[in-house]
Amino acid sequence: MKTVILIHGFPFNATLWRRVAPPGALAPDLPGFGDSPAGPDTVDAYAQSILARVDGPLAVVGHSMGGYVALAMHRLARERIAGLAFVASRAVADTPEIRAKRRETEQQVLAEGVGVLERGMMPRLFGPGAAPAMLEEARALIRAATPQGAAAAMRAMMNRPDSVPQLATIAVPSIVIAGRHDQIVPVAESESIAGAIPAARLVWCERSGHLPMIEEPDVLRETLAHFLEEI
């Protein structure tokens, strides 16, 4: 019997999934977020920490940075992965420009706190017309992060490998779920991931930006439920 793993994105925590989590799913806090103490700073270490928590086959759902961790889990323990779902995520490595920006932001967060992330990310997280309650939920999740955990996660993201060549080797049921108005992961990248994974499906959340689990939870919950039934 497979275990469903929900991996949150940066700089959020496991409560991001609260409206869409399938019954019995495991939603861990990555190191330095939620109830998890700060620790390693590589996506492989994040992946290994999850693999060590549960035995048997896994259906892995990763949002944004969580998608990078899902790819690492597939790379490290391919035989245990029964299905993969990528939500508002990408496979390419950071460009030198993005790495430089992450380094700068990492130092600012350590010096000034996670308010740096709130100010920088909030204008880009949502699609048009997002309700004030949605914005406040995202702000609260960002404020709950620790500077040390956020800094470690930025190092993990900037040093992750290019996973594009890996996509063609994914031989399990896969789905790419993307927000039509995502300002962080461009539409073309979601289309590219779906096209590179054999037999992957691409599902659009038409009103969403980067956080469909907040913007269109009914659509995401139903999409995940149908996908997991197929595995």
C-alpha atoms as a PDB file:
ATOM      1  CA  MET A   1       0.000   0.000   0.000  1.00  0.00           C
ATOM      2  CA  LYS A   2       1.426   3.385  -0.995  1.00  0.00           C
ATOM      3  CA  THR A   3       1.883   6.329   1.342  1.00  0.00           C
ATOM      4  CA  VAL A   4       1.044   9.774  -0.013  1.00  0.00           C
ATOM      5  CA  ILE A   5       3.719  12.366   0.827  1.00  0.00           C
ATOM      6  CA  LEU A   6       2.958  16.088   0.493  1.00  0.00           C
ATOM      7  CA  ILE A   7       6.064  18.307   0.415  1.00  0.00           C
ATOM      8  CA  HIS A   8       5.552  22.028   0.906  1.00  0.00           C
ATOM      9  CA  GLY A   9       7.277  24.809  -0.979  1.00  0.00           C
ATOM     10  CA  PHE A  10       9.490  27.686   0.169  1.00  0.00           C
ATOM     11  CA  PRO A  11       9.176  29.358   2.651  1.00  0.00           C
ATOM     12  CA  PHE A  12       6.021  27.669   3.919  1.00  0.00           C
ATOM     13  CA  ASN A  13       5.320  24.626   6.095  1.00  0.00           C
ATOM     14  CA  ALA A  14       3.110  21.548   6.109  1.00  0.00           C
ATOM     15  CA  THR A  15      -0.073  23.471   6.978  1.00  0.00           C
ATOM     16  CA  LEU A  16       0.014  24.784   3.411  1.00  0.00           C
ATOM     17  CA  TRP A  17      -1.726  21.508   2.469  1.00  0.00           C
ATOM     18  CA  ARG A  18      -4.487  21.648   5.070  1.00  0.00           C
ATOM     19  CA  ARG A  19      -7.347  22.175   2.607  1.00  0.00           C
ATOM     20  CA  VAL A  20      -6.264  19.622   0.019  1.00  0.00           C
ATOM     21  CA  ALA A  21      -4.519  16.763   1.847  1.00  0.00           C
ATOM     22  CA  PRO A  22      -5.955  13.327   0.986  1.00  0.00           C
ATOM     23  CA  PRO A  23      -6.980  11.171   3.972  1.00  0.00           C
ATOM     24  CA  GLY A  24      -3.982   9.447   5.506  1.00  0.00           C
ATOM     25  CA  ALA A  25      -1.400  11.566   3.674  1.00  0.00           C
ATOM     26  CA  LEU A  26       1.858  12.460   5.411  1.00  0.00           C
ATOM     27  CA  ALA A  27       2.844  16.131   5.189  1.00  0.00           C
ATOM     28  CA  PRO A  28       6.262  16.636   6.811  1.00  0.00           C
ATOM     29  CA  ASP A  29       7.751  19.981   7.725  1.00  0.00           C
ATOM     30  CA  LEU A  30      11.067  20.339   5.924  1.00  0.00           C
ATOM     31  CA  PRO A  31      14.041  21.159   8.188  1.00  0.00           C
ATOM     32  CA  GLY A  32      13.777  24.657   9.610  1.00  0.00           C
ATOM     33  CA  PHE A  33      10.059  25.035   8.876  1.00  0.00           C
ATOM     34  CA  GLY A  34       7.019  24.387  11.030  1.00  0.00           C
ATOM     35  CA  ASP A  35       7.881  22.036  13.879  1.00  0.00           C
ATOM     36  CA  SER A  36      11.095  20.759  12.301  1.00  0.00           C
ATOM     37  CA  PRO A  37      14.403  22.150  13.582  1.00  0.00           C
ATOM     38  CA  ALA A  38      16.861  23.632  11.122  1.00  0.00           C
ATOM     39  CA  GLY A  39      19.331  21.131   9.765  1.00  0.00           C
ATOM     40  CA  PRO A  40      20.760  20.183   6.373  1.00  0.00           C
ATOM     41  CA  ASP A  41      20.960  22.507   3.388  1.00  0.00           C
ATOM     42  CA  THR A  42      20.688  20.221   0.348  1.00  0.00           C
ATOM     43  CA  VAL A  43      17.635  18.870  -1.452  1.00  0.00           C
ATOM     44  CA  ASP A  44      19.157  15.377  -1.262  1.00  0.00           C
ATOM     45  CA  ALA A  45      19.335  15.618   2.532  1.00  0.00           C
ATOM     46  CA  TYR A  46      15.719  16.805   2.639  1.00  0.00           C
ATOM     47  CA  ALA A  47      14.766  13.837   0.461  1.00  0.00           C
ATOM     48  CA  GLN A  48      16.676  11.372   2.624  1.00  0.00           C
ATOM     49  CA  SER A  49      15.018  12.694   5.780  1.00  0.00           C
ATOM     50  CA  ILE A  50      11.594  11.925   4.289  1.00  0.00           C
ATOM     51  CA  LEU A  51      12.610   8.532   2.884  1.00  0.00           C
ATOM     52  CA  ALA A  52      13.841   7.522   6.334  1.00  0.00           C
ATOM     53  CA  ARG A  53      10.495   8.350   7.969  1.00  0.00           C
ATOM     54  CA  VAL A  54       8.289   5.866   6.144  1.00  0.00           C
ATOM     55  CA  ASP A  55       8.698   2.458   4.544  1.00  0.00           C
ATOM     56  CA  GLY A  56       7.242   1.115   1.335  1.00  0.00           C
ATOM     57  CA  PRO A  57       6.072   2.700  -1.920  1.00  0.00           C
ATOM     58  CA  LEU A  58       5.380   6.414  -2.029  1.00  0.00           C
ATOM     59  CA  ALA A  59       3.195   8.736  -4.081  1.00  0.00           C
ATOM     60  CA  VAL A  60       4.993  12.070  -3.802  1.00  0.00           C
ATOM     61  CA  VAL A  61       3.368  15.470  -4.297  1.00  0.00           C
ATOM     62  CA  GLY A  62       5.755  18.424  -4.297  1.00  0.00           C
ATOM     63  CA  HIS A  63       4.910  22.113  -4.400  1.00  0.00           C
ATOM     64  CA  SER A  64       7.587  24.473  -5.764  1.00  0.00           C
ATOM     65  CA  MET A  65      10.711  23.645  -3.690  1.00  0.00           C
ATOM     66  CA  GLY A  66       8.875  20.475  -2.673  1.00  0.00           C
ATOM     67  CA  GLY A  67       9.028  19.445  -6.315  1.00  0.00           C
ATOM     68  CA  TYR A  68      12.827  19.694  -6.180  1.00  0.00           C
ATOM     69  CA  VAL A  69      12.744  17.378  -3.169  1.00  0.00           C
ATOM     70  CA  ALA A  70      10.396  14.998  -4.981  1.00  0.00           C
ATOM     71  CA  LEU A  71      12.865  14.799  -7.866  1.00  0.00           C
ATOM     72  CA  ALA A  72      15.666  14.094  -5.394  1.00  0.00           C
ATOM     73  CA  MET A  73      13.599  11.284  -3.854  1.00  0.00           C
ATOM     74  CA  HIS A  74      13.113   9.800  -7.303  1.00  0.00           C
ATOM     75  CA  ARG A  75      16.830  10.115  -8.003  1.00  0.00           C
ATOM     76  CA  LEU A  76      17.825   8.487  -4.695  1.00  0.00           C
ATOM     77  CA  ALA A  77      15.157   5.791  -4.336  1.00  0.00           C
ATOM     78  CA  ARG A  78      13.490   5.324  -7.713  1.00  0.00           C
ATOM     79  CA  GLU A  79      12.251   1.859  -6.801  1.00  0.00           C
ATOM     80  CA  ARG A  80      10.090   3.304  -4.001  1.00  0.00           C
ATOM     81  CA  ILE A  81       8.328   5.981  -6.039  1.00  0.00           C
ATOM     82  CA  ALA A  82       4.865   4.914  -7.245  1.00  0.00           C
ATOM     83  CA  GLY A  83       3.731   8.290  -8.568  1.00  0.00           C
ATOM     84  CA  LEU A  84       4.815  11.922  -8.803  1.00  0.00           C
ATOM     85  CA  ALA A  85       2.786  15.119  -8.794  1.00  0.00           C
ATOM     86  CA  PHE A  86       4.456  18.486  -9.325  1.00  0.00           C
ATOM     87  CA  VAL A  87       2.515  21.566  -8.207  1.00  0.00           C
ATOM     88  CA  ALA A  88       3.849  24.930  -9.422  1.00  0.00           C
ATOM     89  CA  SER A  89       7.371  23.526  -9.650  1.00  0.00           C
ATOM     90  CA  ARG A  90      10.252  23.367 -12.101  1.00  0.00           C
ATOM     91  CA  ALA A  91      13.104  21.051 -13.087  1.00  0.00           C
ATOM     92  CA  VAL A  92      15.818  23.452 -14.276  1.00  0.00           C
ATOM     93  CA  ALA A  93      18.657  24.482 -11.985  1.00  0.00           C
ATOM     94  CA  ASP A  94      19.103  28.081 -10.926  1.00  0.00           C
ATOM     95  CA  THR A  95      20.833  30.369 -13.373  1.00  0.00           C
ATOM     96  CA  PRO A  96      23.932  32.232 -12.130  1.00  0.00           C
ATOM     97  CA  GLU A  97      21.797  35.361 -11.798  1.00  0.00           C
ATOM     98  CA  ILE A  98      19.207  33.605  -9.645  1.00  0.00           C
ATOM     99  CA  ARG A  99      21.931  32.036  -7.493  1.00  0.00           C
ATOM    100  CA  ALA A 100      23.436  35.457  -6.888  1.00  0.00           C
ATOM    101  CA  LYS A 101      20.035  36.831  -5.906  1.00  0.00           C
ATOM    102  CA  ARG A 102      19.446  33.936  -3.524  1.00  0.00           C
ATOM    103  CA  ARG A 103      22.825  34.535  -1.861  1.00  0.00           C
ATOM    104  CA  GLU A 104      21.967  38.181  -1.387  1.00  0.00           C
ATOM    105  CA  THR A 105      18.531  37.351   0.009  1.00  0.00           C
ATOM    106  CA  GLU A 106      19.974  34.681   2.297  1.00  0.00           C
ATOM    107  CA  GLN A 107      22.268  37.233   3.913  1.00  0.00           C
ATOM    108  CA  GLN A 108      19.446  39.753   4.244  1.00  0.00           C
ATOM    109  CA  VAL A 109      17.186  37.168   5.905  1.00  0.00           C
ATOM    110  CA  LEU A 110      19.882  36.211   8.400  1.00  0.00           C
ATOM    111  CA  ALA A 111      20.484  39.888   9.189  1.00  0.00           C
ATOM    112  CA  GLU A 112      16.916  41.235   9.121  1.00  0.00           C
ATOM    113  CA  GLY A 113      14.533  38.282   9.448  1.00  0.00           C
ATOM    114  CA  VAL A 114      11.898  36.664   7.252  1.00  0.00           C
ATOM    115  CA  GLY A 115      10.113  39.955   6.651  1.00  0.00           C
ATOM    116  CA  VAL A 116      12.551  40.232   3.731  1.00  0.00           C
ATOM    117  CA  LEU A 117      10.844  37.217   2.151  1.00  0.00           C
ATOM    118  CA  GLU A 118       7.372  38.525   2.865  1.00  0.00           C
ATOM    119  CA  ARG A 119       8.111  41.827   1.140  1.00  0.00           C
ATOM    120  CA  GLY A 120       9.808  40.193  -1.813  1.00  0.00           C
ATOM    121  CA  MET A 121       7.419  37.311  -2.429  1.00  0.00           C
ATOM    122  CA  MET A 122       3.920  38.540  -1.641  1.00  0.00           C
ATOM    123  CA  PRO A 123       3.505  40.636  -4.835  1.00  0.00           C
ATOM    124  CA  ARG A 124       4.260  37.540  -6.958  1.00  0.00           C
ATOM    125  CA  LEU A 125       2.402  34.739  -5.179  1.00  0.00           C
ATOM    126  CA  PHE A 126      -1.206  35.140  -6.294  1.00  0.00           C
ATOM    127  CA  GLY A 127      -3.306  35.404  -9.379  1.00  0.00           C
ATOM    128  CA  PRO A 128      -5.493  38.463  -9.981  1.00  0.00           C
ATOM    129  CA  GLY A 129      -8.328  39.122  -7.571  1.00  0.00           C
ATOM    130  CA  ALA A 130      -7.013  37.071  -4.647  1.00  0.00           C
ATOM    131  CA  ALA A 131      -9.116  37.641  -1.541  1.00  0.00           C
ATOM    132  CA  PRO A 132      -7.537  39.463   1.420  1.00  0.00           C
ATOM    133  CA  ALA A 133      -7.884  36.319   3.552  1.00  0.00           C
ATOM    134  CA  MET A 134      -5.730  34.422   1.052  1.00  0.00           C
ATOM    135  CA  LEU A 135      -3.031  37.067   1.245  1.00  0.00           C
ATOM    136  CA  GLU A 136      -3.068  37.015   5.031  1.00  0.00           C
ATOM    137  CA  GLU A 137      -2.797  33.221   5.101  1.00  0.00           C
ATOM    138  CA  ALA A 138       0.309  33.352   2.929  1.00  0.00           C
ATOM    139  CA  ARG A 139       1.812  36.137   5.056  1.00  0.00           C
ATOM    140  CA  ALA A 140       1.274  34.108   8.213  1.00  0.00           C
ATOM    141  CA  LEU A 141       2.947  31.058   6.699  1.00  0.00           C
ATOM    142  CA  ILE A 142       5.976  33.093   5.624  1.00  0.00           C
ATOM    143  CA  ARG A 143       6.245  34.773   9.043  1.00  0.00           C
ATOM    144  CA  ALA A 144       6.276  31.347  10.704  1.00  0.00           C
ATOM    145  CA  ALA A 145       9.560  30.427   8.985  1.00  0.00           C
ATOM    146  CA  THR A 146      12.833  30.802  10.842  1.00  0.00           C
ATOM    147  CA  PRO A 147      15.695  32.821   9.333  1.00  0.00           C
ATOM    148  CA  GLN A 148      18.038  29.847   9.743  1.00  0.00           C
ATOM    149  CA  GLY A 149      15.637  27.424   8.071  1.00  0.00           C
ATOM    150  CA  ALA A 150      14.919  29.829   5.226  1.00  0.00           C
ATOM    151  CA  ALA A 151      18.626  30.486   4.678  1.00  0.00           C
ATOM    152  CA  ALA A 152      19.403  26.755   4.570  1.00  0.00           C
ATOM    153  CA  ALA A 153      16.566  26.204   2.094  1.00  0.00           C
ATOM    154  CA  MET A 154      17.892  28.944  -0.166  1.00  0.00           C
ATOM    155  CA  ARG A 155      21.298  27.264  -0.169  1.00  0.00           C
ATOM    156  CA  ALA A 156      19.620  23.946  -0.988  1.00  0.00           C
ATOM    157  CA  MET A 157      17.746  25.498  -3.901  1.00  0.00           C
ATOM    158  CA  MET A 158      20.688  27.396  -5.349  1.00  0.00           C
ATOM    159  CA  ASN A 159      22.885  24.273  -5.293  1.00  0.00           C
ATOM    160  CA  ARG A 160      20.353  21.745  -6.591  1.00  0.00           C
ATOM    161  CA  PRO A 161      21.217  19.911  -9.814  1.00  0.00           C
ATOM    162  CA  ASP A 162      19.575  20.412 -13.176  1.00  0.00           C
ATOM    163  CA  SER A 163      16.848  17.749 -13.203  1.00  0.00           C
ATOM    164  CA  VAL A 164      15.718  18.212 -16.809  1.00  0.00           C
ATOM    165  CA  PRO A 165      17.601  15.104 -18.064  1.00  0.00           C
ATOM    166  CA  GLN A 166      16.001  13.099 -15.260  1.00  0.00           C
ATOM    167  CA  LEU A 167      12.439  13.823 -16.446  1.00  0.00           C
ATOM    168  CA  ALA A 168      12.651  11.383 -19.349  1.00  0.00           C
ATOM    169  CA  THR A 169      13.534   8.573 -16.921  1.00  0.00           C
ATOM    170  CA  ILE A 170      10.346   8.944 -14.860  1.00  0.00           C
ATOM    171  CA  ALA A 171       8.383   5.793 -15.581  1.00  0.00           C
ATOM    172  CA  VAL A 172       5.595   6.117 -12.993  1.00  0.00           C
ATOM    173  CA  PRO A 173       2.235   7.931 -13.279  1.00  0.00           C
ATOM    174  CA  SER A 174       2.939  11.664 -13.136  1.00  0.00           C
ATOM    175  CA  ILE A 175       1.006  14.900 -13.233  1.00  0.00           C
ATOM    176  CA  VAL A 176       1.976  18.564 -13.475  1.00  0.00           C
ATOM    177  CA  ILE A 177      -0.438  21.023 -11.859  1.00  0.00           C
ATOM    178  CA  ALA A 178       0.141  24.689 -12.587  1.00  0.00           C
ATOM    179  CA  GLY A 179      -1.416  28.062 -11.940  1.00  0.00           C
ATOM    180  CA  ARG A 180      -2.315  29.875 -15.119  1.00  0.00           C
ATOM    181  CA  HIS A 181      -1.175  33.174 -13.516  1.00  0.00           C
ATOM    182  CA  ASP A 182       1.973  31.913 -11.791  1.00  0.00           C
ATOM    183  CA  GLN A 183       4.609  34.675 -11.739  1.00  0.00           C
ATOM    184  CA  ILE A 184       7.282  32.443 -10.194  1.00  0.00           C
ATOM    185  CA  VAL A 185       7.103  29.370 -12.445  1.00  0.00           C
ATOM    186  CA  PRO A 186       6.336  30.534 -15.998  1.00  0.00           C
ATOM    187  CA  VAL A 187       3.636  28.768 -17.994  1.00  0.00           C
ATOM    188  CA  ALA A 188       6.254  27.577 -20.497  1.00  0.00           C
ATOM    189  CA  GLU A 189       8.198  25.751 -17.765  1.00  0.00           C
ATOM    190  CA  SER A 190       5.134  23.831 -16.619  1.00  0.00           C
ATOM    191  CA  GLU A 191       4.424  22.867 -20.211  1.00  0.00           C
ATOM    192  CA  SER A 192       8.044  21.805 -20.662  1.00  0.00           C
ATOM    193  CA  ILE A 193       8.050  19.538 -17.592  1.00  0.00           C
ATOM    194  CA  ALA A 194       4.803  17.879 -18.617  1.00  0.00           C
ATOM    195  CA  GLY A 195       6.122  17.359 -22.125  1.00  0.00           C
ATOM    196  CA  ALA A 196       9.390  15.829 -20.936  1.00  0.00           C
ATOM    197  CA  ILE A 197       7.924  13.245 -18.547  1.00  0.00           C
ATOM    198  CA  PRO A 198       6.563  10.251 -20.475  1.00  0.00           C
ATOM    199  CA  ALA A 199       2.750  10.155 -20.305  1.00  0.00           C
ATOM    200  CA  ALA A 200       2.523  13.014 -17.792  1.00  0.00           C
ATOM    201  CA  ARG A 201      -0.663  15.082 -17.729  1.00  0.00           C
ATOM    202  CA  LEU A 202      -0.778  18.866 -17.357  1.00  0.00           C
ATOM    203  CA  VAL A 203      -3.667  20.375 -15.398  1.00  0.00           C
ATOM    204  CA  TRP A 204      -4.224  24.120 -15.156  1.00  0.00           C
ATOM    205  CA  CYS A 205      -5.677  25.924 -12.165  1.00  0.00           C
ATOM    206  CA  GLU A 206      -7.127  28.739 -14.219  1.00  0.00           C
ATOM    207  CA  ARG A 207      -7.489  31.391 -11.487  1.00  0.00           C
ATOM    208  CA  SER A 208      -4.335  30.596  -9.538  1.00  0.00           C
ATOM    209  CA  GLY A 209      -0.874  31.998  -9.276  1.00  0.00           C
ATOM    210  CA  HIS A 210       1.769  30.096  -7.325  1.00  0.00           C
ATOM    211  CA  LEU A 211      -0.494  28.824  -4.520  1.00  0.00           C
ATOM    212  CA  PRO A 212      -3.420  26.838  -5.953  1.00  0.00           C
ATOM    213  CA  MET A 213      -3.894  25.073  -2.610  1.00  0.00           C
ATOM    214  CA  ILE A 214      -5.000  28.456  -1.239  1.00  0.00           C
ATOM    215  CA  GLU A 215      -6.476  30.014  -4.377  1.00  0.00           C
ATOM    216  CA  GLU A 216      -8.373  27.025  -5.817  1.00  0.00           C
ATOM    217  CA  PRO A 217      -8.301  24.307  -3.156  1.00  0.00           C
ATOM    218  CA  ASP A 218     -11.332  22.474  -4.547  1.00  0.00           C
ATOM    219  CA  VAL A 219      -9.708  22.124  -7.958  1.00  0.00           C
ATOM    220  CA  LEU A 220      -6.395  20.952  -6.518  1.00  0.00           C
ATOM    221  CA  ARG A 221      -8.000  18.546  -4.035  1.00  0.00           C
ATOM    222  CA  GLU A 222     -10.132  16.942  -6.733  1.00  0.00           C
ATOM    223  CA  THR A 223      -7.242  16.747  -9.198  1.00  0.00           C
ATOM    224  CA  LEU A 224      -4.987  15.053  -6.656  1.00  0.00           C
ATOM    225  CA  ALA A 225      -7.731  12.643  -5.597  1.00  0.00           C
ATOM    226  CA  HIS A 226      -8.330  11.505  -9.177  1.00  0.00           C
ATOM    227  CA  PHE A 227      -4.612  11.187  -9.842  1.00  0.00           C
ATOM    228  CA  LEU A 228      -3.946   9.132  -6.723  1.00  0.00           C
ATOM    229  CA  GLU A 229      -6.815   6.786  -7.600  1.00  0.00           C
ATOM    230  CA  GLU A 230      -4.950   5.916 -10.796  1.00  0.00           C
ATOM    231  CA  ILE A 231      -1.754   4.829  -9.035  1.00  0.00           C
END
